[in-house]
């Protein structure tokens, strides 16, 4: 479903701020894989997601989605393949529009726009049903402005919007980092539910090692722009935070220095 072949990206080339963000990344996701991505600050986690999304061109390498080479496609042309949820709950929704209007926009992604009713009766019924599954009471507030909702509620709606058209790849970029622990746990549970019910292929970047272990069927660890660890199946189910730290030190030859990941 997704393949990265020898992907490189360096920022600010030739300046004092030159930074090699991706250094020969090779990664292959099968359909239905839910991969969590862990690593310290500057390891290349979010840079990988931006490379897949086409936020900027890569320097070298190839990116394929469902067998199609998208390496040269700009971000807006990859949007039909991808769903994405960002760290900031304010990013994925339009605050001044109603909940149902935000969902209607997501439902029309990739379609031609014309002069017709903004939201059909059938769509309202569909949105009501989807919102009810979130168990947040939002199905009875469909005409409320999204800007009036809490961060967790907005992230939940963003999840629905990102998956409404069943994307080939769902990218979750530290999408619970700005939430309090209780709300973050709720959004993560919703993420698991939506990914499983729709049989989505997903990548979730996180600073939290425990979340990386508990969620998904596969875990990759990055360091200095490379994937240094890739575990799945029974090995992933049995691994602990202490095991991850030990493996990181064995492979990289250095200690894992990220308090947020360790304390999370």
C-alpha atoms as a PDB file:
ATOM      1  CA  UNK A   1       0.000   0.000   0.000  1.00  0.00           C
ATOM      2  CA  UNK A   2       2.895   2.371   0.753  1.00  0.00           C
ATOM      3  CA  UNK A   3       6.549   2.081  -0.182  1.00  0.00           C
ATOM      4  CA  UNK A   4       9.479   4.425   0.377  1.00  0.00           C
ATOM      5  CA  UNK A   5      12.707   3.587  -1.429  1.00  0.00           C
ATOM      6  CA  UNK A   6      15.967   5.237  -0.365  1.00  0.00           C
ATOM      7  CA  UNK A   7      14.316   8.554   0.507  1.00  0.00           C
ATOM      8  CA  UNK A   8      16.612  11.483   1.348  1.00  0.00           C
ATOM      9  CA  UNK A   9      15.815  15.017   2.473  1.00  0.00           C
ATOM     10  CA  UNK A  10      18.190  17.756   3.620  1.00  0.00           C
ATOM     11  CA  UNK A  11      17.027  21.201   4.696  1.00  0.00           C
ATOM     12  CA  UNK A  12      19.002  24.460   4.311  1.00  0.00           C
ATOM     13  CA  UNK A  13      21.648  22.851   2.104  1.00  0.00           C
ATOM     14  CA  UNK A  14      24.966  24.715   2.070  1.00  0.00           C
ATOM     15  CA  UNK A  15      24.176  26.867   5.106  1.00  0.00           C
ATOM     16  CA  UNK A  16      25.207  26.754   8.746  1.00  0.00           C
ATOM     17  CA  UNK A  17      21.726  25.379   9.496  1.00  0.00           C
ATOM     18  CA  UNK A  18      22.028  22.409   7.129  1.00  0.00           C
ATOM     19  CA  UNK A  19      20.095  19.444   8.521  1.00  0.00           C
ATOM     20  CA  UNK A  20      19.919  15.951   7.049  1.00  0.00           C
ATOM     21  CA  UNK A  21      16.359  15.025   8.051  1.00  0.00           C
ATOM     22  CA  UNK A  22      15.971  11.776   6.082  1.00  0.00           C
ATOM     23  CA  UNK A  23      18.975   9.640   5.263  1.00  0.00           C
ATOM     24  CA  UNK A  24      18.032   6.744   3.001  1.00  0.00           C
ATOM     25  CA  UNK A  25      14.657   5.698   4.427  1.00  0.00           C
ATOM     26  CA  UNK A  26      13.314   2.375   3.155  1.00  0.00           C
ATOM     27  CA  UNK A  27       9.825   1.412   4.325  1.00  0.00           C
ATOM     28  CA  UNK A  28       7.032  -0.806   3.037  1.00  0.00           C
ATOM     29  CA  UNK A  29       3.522  -0.957   4.469  1.00  0.00           C
ATOM     30  CA  UNK A  30       1.088  -3.687   3.541  1.00  0.00           C
ATOM     31  CA  UNK A  31      -2.637  -3.023   3.287  1.00  0.00           C
ATOM     32  CA  UNK A  32      -4.147  -2.853   6.781  1.00  0.00           C
ATOM     33  CA  UNK A  33      -0.854  -2.144   8.568  1.00  0.00           C
ATOM     34  CA  UNK A  34      -1.112   0.290  11.475  1.00  0.00           C
ATOM     35  CA  UNK A  35       2.437   1.470  12.130  1.00  0.00           C
ATOM     36  CA  UNK A  36       3.465   3.598  15.096  1.00  0.00           C
ATOM     37  CA  UNK A  37       6.598   5.739  14.662  1.00  0.00           C
ATOM     38  CA  UNK A  38       8.780   6.627  17.660  1.00  0.00           C
ATOM     39  CA  UNK A  39      12.018   8.563  18.012  1.00  0.00           C
ATOM     40  CA  UNK A  40      13.660  11.511  19.702  1.00  0.00           C
ATOM     41  CA  UNK A  41      13.428  15.138  18.617  1.00  0.00           C
ATOM     42  CA  UNK A  42      14.849  15.572  15.127  1.00  0.00           C
ATOM     43  CA  UNK A  43      14.819  11.828  14.402  1.00  0.00           C
ATOM     44  CA  UNK A  44      12.827  12.325  11.194  1.00  0.00           C
ATOM     45  CA  UNK A  45       9.371  11.152  12.315  1.00  0.00           C
ATOM     46  CA  UNK A  46       7.233  14.054  11.110  1.00  0.00           C
ATOM     47  CA  UNK A  47       9.564  14.579   8.148  1.00  0.00           C
ATOM     48  CA  UNK A  48       8.628  11.109   6.878  1.00  0.00           C
ATOM     49  CA  UNK A  49       4.925  11.973   7.057  1.00  0.00           C
ATOM     50  CA  UNK A  50       5.538  15.282   5.263  1.00  0.00           C
ATOM     51  CA  UNK A  51       7.483  13.450   2.559  1.00  0.00           C
ATOM     52  CA  UNK A  52       4.594  11.016   2.040  1.00  0.00           C
ATOM     53  CA  UNK A  53       2.082  13.878   1.955  1.00  0.00           C
ATOM     54  CA  UNK A  54       4.178  15.873  -0.526  1.00  0.00           C
ATOM     55  CA  UNK A  55       4.558  18.942   1.676  1.00  0.00           C
ATOM     56  CA  UNK A  56       7.877  19.542  -0.095  1.00  0.00           C
ATOM     57  CA  UNK A  57       9.896  17.583  -2.703  1.00  0.00           C
ATOM     58  CA  UNK A  58      12.390  14.961  -1.533  1.00  0.00           C
ATOM     59  CA  UNK A  59      16.008  15.168  -2.698  1.00  0.00           C
ATOM     60  CA  UNK A  60      16.340  11.542  -3.800  1.00  0.00           C
ATOM     61  CA  UNK A  61      14.322   8.353  -3.691  1.00  0.00           C
ATOM     62  CA  UNK A  62      10.890   7.077  -4.662  1.00  0.00           C
ATOM     63  CA  UNK A  63       7.483   7.130  -2.956  1.00  0.00           C
ATOM     64  CA  UNK A  64       4.722   4.778  -4.106  1.00  0.00           C
ATOM     65  CA  UNK A  65       1.126   4.663  -2.866  1.00  0.00           C
ATOM     66  CA  UNK A  66      -0.854   1.579  -3.848  1.00  0.00           C
ATOM     67  CA  UNK A  67       1.724   0.888  -6.560  1.00  0.00           C
ATOM     68  CA  UNK A  68       1.482   4.380  -8.062  1.00  0.00           C
ATOM     69  CA  UNK A  69       4.613   6.533  -8.158  1.00  0.00           C
ATOM     70  CA  UNK A  70       3.645   9.825  -6.469  1.00  0.00           C
ATOM     71  CA  UNK A  71       7.205  11.138  -5.976  1.00  0.00           C
ATOM     72  CA  UNK A  72       6.699  14.058  -8.343  1.00  0.00           C
ATOM     73  CA  UNK A  73       3.131  14.904  -7.357  1.00  0.00           C
ATOM     74  CA  UNK A  74       2.530  18.113  -5.344  1.00  0.00           C
ATOM     75  CA  UNK A  75       0.665  18.040  -2.052  1.00  0.00           C
ATOM     76  CA  UNK A  76      -2.781  18.945  -3.417  1.00  0.00           C
ATOM     77  CA  UNK A  77      -2.654  16.114  -5.974  1.00  0.00           C
ATOM     78  CA  UNK A  78      -1.802  13.557  -3.269  1.00  0.00           C
ATOM     79  CA  UNK A  79      -4.758  14.667  -1.143  1.00  0.00           C
ATOM     80  CA  UNK A  80      -7.072  12.169  -2.840  1.00  0.00           C
ATOM     81  CA  UNK A  81      -4.848   9.311  -1.601  1.00  0.00           C
ATOM     82  CA  UNK A  82      -4.388  10.520   1.966  1.00  0.00           C
ATOM     83  CA  UNK A  83      -6.144  11.445   5.186  1.00  0.00           C
ATOM     84  CA  UNK A  84      -4.183  13.399   7.769  1.00  0.00           C
ATOM     85  CA  UNK A  85      -4.674  14.556  11.355  1.00  0.00           C
ATOM     86  CA  UNK A  86      -2.218  17.098  12.784  1.00  0.00           C
ATOM     87  CA  UNK A  87      -1.010  17.829  16.308  1.00  0.00           C
ATOM     88  CA  UNK A  88      -2.945  21.097  16.563  1.00  0.00           C
ATOM     89  CA  UNK A  89      -6.705  20.389  16.958  1.00  0.00           C
ATOM     90  CA  UNK A  90      -7.429  23.730  15.244  1.00  0.00           C
ATOM     91  CA  UNK A  91      -5.713  22.695  12.003  1.00  0.00           C
ATOM     92  CA  UNK A  92      -8.075  20.066  10.623  1.00  0.00           C
ATOM     93  CA  UNK A  93     -11.398  21.911  10.875  1.00  0.00           C
ATOM     94  CA  UNK A  94     -12.924  25.270   9.983  1.00  0.00           C
ATOM     95  CA  UNK A  95     -13.909  26.999  13.223  1.00  0.00           C
ATOM     96  CA  UNK A  96     -16.566  29.316  11.779  1.00  0.00           C
ATOM     97  CA  UNK A  97     -18.492  26.521  10.073  1.00  0.00           C
ATOM     98  CA  UNK A  98     -20.952  24.054  11.595  1.00  0.00           C
ATOM     99  CA  UNK A  99     -20.015  20.472  12.453  1.00  0.00           C
ATOM    100  CA  UNK A 100     -22.189  19.170   9.616  1.00  0.00           C
ATOM    101  CA  UNK A 101     -20.703  21.713   7.183  1.00  0.00           C
ATOM    102  CA  UNK A 102     -17.159  20.566   8.010  1.00  0.00           C
ATOM    103  CA  UNK A 103     -18.187  16.951   7.419  1.00  0.00           C
ATOM    104  CA  UNK A 104     -19.879  17.907   4.139  1.00  0.00           C
ATOM    105  CA  UNK A 105     -16.649  19.506   2.920  1.00  0.00           C
ATOM    106  CA  UNK A 106     -14.767  16.291   3.713  1.00  0.00           C
ATOM    107  CA  UNK A 107     -17.442  14.225   1.934  1.00  0.00           C
ATOM    108  CA  UNK A 108     -16.885  16.240  -1.259  1.00  0.00           C
ATOM    109  CA  UNK A 109     -13.110  15.951  -1.331  1.00  0.00           C
ATOM    110  CA  UNK A 110     -11.943  15.282  -4.884  1.00  0.00           C
ATOM    111  CA  UNK A 111     -15.363  15.986  -6.413  1.00  0.00           C
ATOM    112  CA  UNK A 112     -16.367  18.802  -8.744  1.00  0.00           C
ATOM    113  CA  UNK A 113     -18.380  21.527  -7.044  1.00  0.00           C
ATOM    114  CA  UNK A 114     -21.627  22.905  -8.441  1.00  0.00           C
ATOM    115  CA  UNK A 115     -24.749  24.851  -7.448  1.00  0.00           C
ATOM    116  CA  UNK A 116     -26.871  22.557  -5.297  1.00  0.00           C
ATOM    117  CA  UNK A 117     -27.970  22.142  -1.692  1.00  0.00           C
ATOM    118  CA  UNK A 118     -24.969  22.245   0.595  1.00  0.00           C
ATOM    119  CA  UNK A 119     -25.999  19.281   2.730  1.00  0.00           C
ATOM    120  CA  UNK A 120     -28.569  16.720   1.668  1.00  0.00           C
ATOM    121  CA  UNK A 121     -31.042  15.007   3.986  1.00  0.00           C
ATOM    122  CA  UNK A 122     -29.281  11.709   3.372  1.00  0.00           C
ATOM    123  CA  UNK A 123     -25.932  13.223   4.371  1.00  0.00           C
ATOM    124  CA  UNK A 124     -27.403  14.640   7.577  1.00  0.00           C
ATOM    125  CA  UNK A 125     -28.579  11.157   8.518  1.00  0.00           C
ATOM    126  CA  UNK A 126     -25.142   9.723   7.701  1.00  0.00           C
ATOM    127  CA  UNK A 127     -23.328  12.397   9.729  1.00  0.00           C
ATOM    128  CA  UNK A 128     -25.692  11.888  12.676  1.00  0.00           C
ATOM    129  CA  UNK A 129     -24.915   8.162  12.658  1.00  0.00           C
ATOM    130  CA  UNK A 130     -21.143   8.697  12.420  1.00  0.00           C
ATOM    131  CA  UNK A 131     -21.100  11.293  15.191  1.00  0.00           C
ATOM    132  CA  UNK A 132     -23.171   9.051  17.452  1.00  0.00           C
ATOM    133  CA  UNK A 133     -20.429   6.402  17.261  1.00  0.00           C
ATOM    134  CA  UNK A 134     -17.994   8.883  18.835  1.00  0.00           C
ATOM    135  CA  UNK A 135     -20.098   8.870  22.013  1.00  0.00           C
ATOM    136  CA  UNK A 136     -19.398  12.564  22.600  1.00  0.00           C
ATOM    137  CA  UNK A 137     -22.951  13.866  22.190  1.00  0.00           C
ATOM    138  CA  UNK A 138     -22.014  15.687  18.978  1.00  0.00           C
ATOM    139  CA  UNK A 139     -24.787  14.047  16.950  1.00  0.00           C
ATOM    140  CA  UNK A 140     -27.227  16.413  18.695  1.00  0.00           C
ATOM    141  CA  UNK A 141     -25.047  19.466  18.016  1.00  0.00           C
ATOM    142  CA  UNK A 142     -24.544  19.207  14.258  1.00  0.00           C
ATOM    143  CA  UNK A 143     -25.402  22.879  13.703  1.00  0.00           C
ATOM    144  CA  UNK A 144     -22.930  24.082  16.353  1.00  0.00           C
ATOM    145  CA  UNK A 145     -19.874  26.005  15.202  1.00  0.00           C
ATOM    146  CA  UNK A 146     -16.749  23.854  15.454  1.00  0.00           C
ATOM    147  CA  UNK A 147     -14.895  26.741  17.113  1.00  0.00           C
ATOM    148  CA  UNK A 148     -17.073  26.269  20.201  1.00  0.00           C
ATOM    149  CA  UNK A 149     -15.885  22.689  20.745  1.00  0.00           C
ATOM    150  CA  UNK A 150     -13.066  21.426  22.951  1.00  0.00           C
ATOM    151  CA  UNK A 151      -9.737  20.323  21.492  1.00  0.00           C
ATOM    152  CA  UNK A 152     -10.614  16.660  21.923  1.00  0.00           C
ATOM    153  CA  UNK A 153     -13.986  17.077  20.211  1.00  0.00           C
ATOM    154  CA  UNK A 154     -12.350  18.889  17.298  1.00  0.00           C
ATOM    155  CA  UNK A 155      -9.735  16.143  16.950  1.00  0.00           C
ATOM    156  CA  UNK A 156     -12.490  13.530  16.926  1.00  0.00           C
ATOM    157  CA  UNK A 157     -14.283  15.407  14.124  1.00  0.00           C
ATOM    158  CA  UNK A 158     -10.992  15.779  12.246  1.00  0.00           C
ATOM    159  CA  UNK A 159     -10.562  11.997  12.450  1.00  0.00           C
ATOM    160  CA  UNK A 160     -14.001  11.533  10.904  1.00  0.00           C
ATOM    161  CA  UNK A 161     -13.231  14.071   8.191  1.00  0.00           C
ATOM    162  CA  UNK A 162      -9.872  12.467   7.379  1.00  0.00           C
ATOM    163  CA  UNK A 163     -11.429   9.003   6.999  1.00  0.00           C
ATOM    164  CA  UNK A 164     -14.843   9.826   5.530  1.00  0.00           C
ATOM    165  CA  UNK A 165     -13.646   9.021   1.995  1.00  0.00           C
ATOM    166  CA  UNK A 166     -11.620   5.982   3.166  1.00  0.00           C
ATOM    167  CA  UNK A 167      -8.105   7.181   2.266  1.00  0.00           C
ATOM    168  CA  UNK A 168      -5.482   4.731   1.069  1.00  0.00           C
ATOM    169  CA  UNK A 169      -3.173   5.981   3.826  1.00  0.00           C
ATOM    170  CA  UNK A 170      -4.091   7.690   7.111  1.00  0.00           C
ATOM    171  CA  UNK A 171      -1.338   9.856   8.630  1.00  0.00           C
ATOM    172  CA  UNK A 172      -1.585  10.745  12.325  1.00  0.00           C
ATOM    173  CA  UNK A 173       1.060  13.308  13.253  1.00  0.00           C
ATOM    174  CA  UNK A 174       1.236  13.376  17.083  1.00  0.00           C
ATOM    175  CA  UNK A 175      -2.510  13.983  16.964  1.00  0.00           C
ATOM    176  CA  UNK A 176      -2.990  13.637  20.741  1.00  0.00           C
ATOM    177  CA  UNK A 177       0.093  15.576  21.898  1.00  0.00           C
ATOM    178  CA  UNK A 178      -1.845  18.799  22.572  1.00  0.00           C
ATOM    179  CA  UNK A 179      -4.596  17.057  24.567  1.00  0.00           C
ATOM    180  CA  UNK A 180      -4.837  16.255  28.261  1.00  0.00           C
ATOM    181  CA  UNK A 181      -4.182  12.580  29.148  1.00  0.00           C
ATOM    182  CA  UNK A 182      -7.854  11.590  29.548  1.00  0.00           C
ATOM    183  CA  UNK A 183      -8.907  13.234  26.280  1.00  0.00           C
ATOM    184  CA  UNK A 184      -5.837  11.844  24.488  1.00  0.00           C
ATOM    185  CA  UNK A 185      -6.787   8.313  25.571  1.00  0.00           C
ATOM    186  CA  UNK A 186     -10.305   8.835  24.208  1.00  0.00           C
ATOM    187  CA  UNK A 187      -9.031  10.110  20.841  1.00  0.00           C
ATOM    188  CA  UNK A 188      -6.556   7.205  20.593  1.00  0.00           C
ATOM    189  CA  UNK A 189      -9.370   4.729  21.278  1.00  0.00           C
ATOM    190  CA  UNK A 190     -11.426   6.387  18.538  1.00  0.00           C
ATOM    191  CA  UNK A 191      -8.441   6.179  16.193  1.00  0.00           C
ATOM    192  CA  UNK A 192      -8.128   2.442  16.833  1.00  0.00           C
ATOM    193  CA  UNK A 193     -11.843   1.974  16.268  1.00  0.00           C
ATOM    194  CA  UNK A 194     -11.985   3.933  12.999  1.00  0.00           C
ATOM    195  CA  UNK A 195      -8.842   2.275  11.600  1.00  0.00           C
ATOM    196  CA  UNK A 196     -10.101  -1.214  12.447  1.00  0.00           C
ATOM    197  CA  UNK A 197     -13.680  -0.714  11.228  1.00  0.00           C
ATOM    198  CA  UNK A 198     -12.530   0.752   7.888  1.00  0.00           C
ATOM    199  CA  UNK A 199      -9.513  -1.572   7.521  1.00  0.00           C
ATOM    200  CA  UNK A 200      -7.272   1.432   6.939  1.00  0.00           C
ATOM    201  CA  UNK A 201      -3.525   1.510   6.418  1.00  0.00           C
ATOM    202  CA  UNK A 202      -2.151   4.019   8.913  1.00  0.00           C
ATOM    203  CA  UNK A 203       1.004   5.613  10.297  1.00  0.00           C
ATOM    204  CA  UNK A 204       0.976   7.310  13.701  1.00  0.00           C
ATOM    205  CA  UNK A 205       3.884   9.460  14.859  1.00  0.00           C
ATOM    206  CA  UNK A 206       4.102   9.719  18.631  1.00  0.00           C
ATOM    207  CA  UNK A 207       6.528  10.806  21.338  1.00  0.00           C
ATOM    208  CA  UNK A 208       4.910   8.408  23.777  1.00  0.00           C
ATOM    209  CA  UNK A 209       6.615   5.007  23.855  1.00  0.00           C
ATOM    210  CA  UNK A 210       3.746   3.373  25.725  1.00  0.00           C
ATOM    211  CA  UNK A 211       1.260   4.531  23.096  1.00  0.00           C
ATOM    212  CA  UNK A 212       3.583   3.288  20.352  1.00  0.00           C
ATOM    213  CA  UNK A 213       3.626  -0.163  21.968  1.00  0.00           C
ATOM    214  CA  UNK A 214      -0.089  -0.426  22.759  1.00  0.00           C
ATOM    215  CA  UNK A 215      -1.459   0.790  19.433  1.00  0.00           C
ATOM    216  CA  UNK A 216      -1.008  -0.693  15.980  1.00  0.00           C
ATOM    217  CA  UNK A 217       0.432  -3.980  14.747  1.00  0.00           C
ATOM    218  CA  UNK A 218       3.899  -2.660  13.958  1.00  0.00           C
ATOM    219  CA  UNK A 219       6.405  -0.232  15.506  1.00  0.00           C
ATOM    220  CA  UNK A 220       9.332   1.522  13.890  1.00  0.00           C
ATOM    221  CA  UNK A 221      11.951   3.621  15.673  1.00  0.00           C
ATOM    222  CA  UNK A 222      13.871   6.388  13.924  1.00  0.00           C
ATOM    223  CA  UNK A 223      17.174   8.086  14.721  1.00  0.00           C
ATOM    224  CA  UNK A 224      19.131  10.657  12.701  1.00  0.00           C
ATOM    225  CA  UNK A 225      16.873  10.289   9.679  1.00  0.00           C
ATOM    226  CA  UNK A 226      17.001   6.489   9.515  1.00  0.00           C
ATOM    227  CA  UNK A 227      14.780   3.614  10.589  1.00  0.00           C
ATOM    228  CA  UNK A 228      16.846   1.709  13.152  1.00  0.00           C
ATOM    229  CA  UNK A 229      14.206  -0.665  14.507  1.00  0.00           C
ATOM    230  CA  UNK A 230      11.165  -2.356  12.944  1.00  0.00           C
ATOM    231  CA  UNK A 231       9.145  -4.794  15.069  1.00  0.00           C
ATOM    232  CA  UNK A 232       5.733  -6.389  14.630  1.00  0.00           C
ATOM    233  CA  UNK A 233       3.507  -9.287  15.606  1.00  0.00           C
ATOM    234  CA  UNK A 234       4.207 -11.177  18.815  1.00  0.00           C
ATOM    235  CA  UNK A 235       7.487  -9.343  19.384  1.00  0.00           C
ATOM    236  CA  UNK A 236       5.648  -6.008  19.478  1.00  0.00           C
ATOM    237  CA  UNK A 237       2.966  -7.339  21.837  1.00  0.00           C
ATOM    238  CA  UNK A 238       5.578  -8.464  24.363  1.00  0.00           C
ATOM    239  CA  UNK A 239       8.011  -5.549  24.188  1.00  0.00           C
ATOM    240  CA  UNK A 240       8.293  -3.015  27.026  1.00  0.00           C
ATOM    241  CA  UNK A 241       9.553   0.567  27.225  1.00  0.00           C
ATOM    242  CA  UNK A 242      12.698  -0.754  28.901  1.00  0.00           C
ATOM    243  CA  UNK A 243      13.229  -3.180  25.993  1.00  0.00           C
ATOM    244  CA  UNK A 244      12.871  -0.331  23.497  1.00  0.00           C
ATOM    245  CA  UNK A 245      15.378   1.822  25.355  1.00  0.00           C
ATOM    246  CA  UNK A 246      17.874  -1.040  25.506  1.00  0.00           C
ATOM    247  CA  UNK A 247      17.485  -1.797  21.789  1.00  0.00           C
ATOM    248  CA  UNK A 248      17.897   1.886  20.942  1.00  0.00           C
ATOM    249  CA  UNK A 249      21.163   2.067  22.891  1.00  0.00           C
ATOM    250  CA  UNK A 250      22.447  -1.180  21.359  1.00  0.00           C
ATOM    251  CA  UNK A 251      21.742  -0.068  17.786  1.00  0.00           C
ATOM    252  CA  UNK A 252      22.594   3.640  17.983  1.00  0.00           C
ATOM    253  CA  UNK A 253      25.352   3.502  20.585  1.00  0.00           C
ATOM    254  CA  UNK A 254      23.787   6.359  22.547  1.00  0.00           C
ATOM    255  CA  UNK A 255      21.144   6.936  25.205  1.00  0.00           C
ATOM    256  CA  UNK A 256      17.594   7.840  24.249  1.00  0.00           C
ATOM    257  CA  UNK A 257      17.258  11.461  25.358  1.00  0.00           C
ATOM    258  CA  UNK A 258      13.633  12.528  25.268  1.00  0.00           C
ATOM    259  CA  UNK A 259      11.855  13.119  28.571  1.00  0.00           C
ATOM    260  CA  UNK A 260       8.464  13.478  26.886  1.00  0.00           C
ATOM    261  CA  UNK A 261       8.707   9.978  25.432  1.00  0.00           C
ATOM    262  CA  UNK A 262       9.934   8.416  28.642  1.00  0.00           C
ATOM    263  CA  UNK A 263       7.499  10.116  31.007  1.00  0.00           C
ATOM    264  CA  UNK A 264       4.504   9.766  28.708  1.00  0.00           C
END
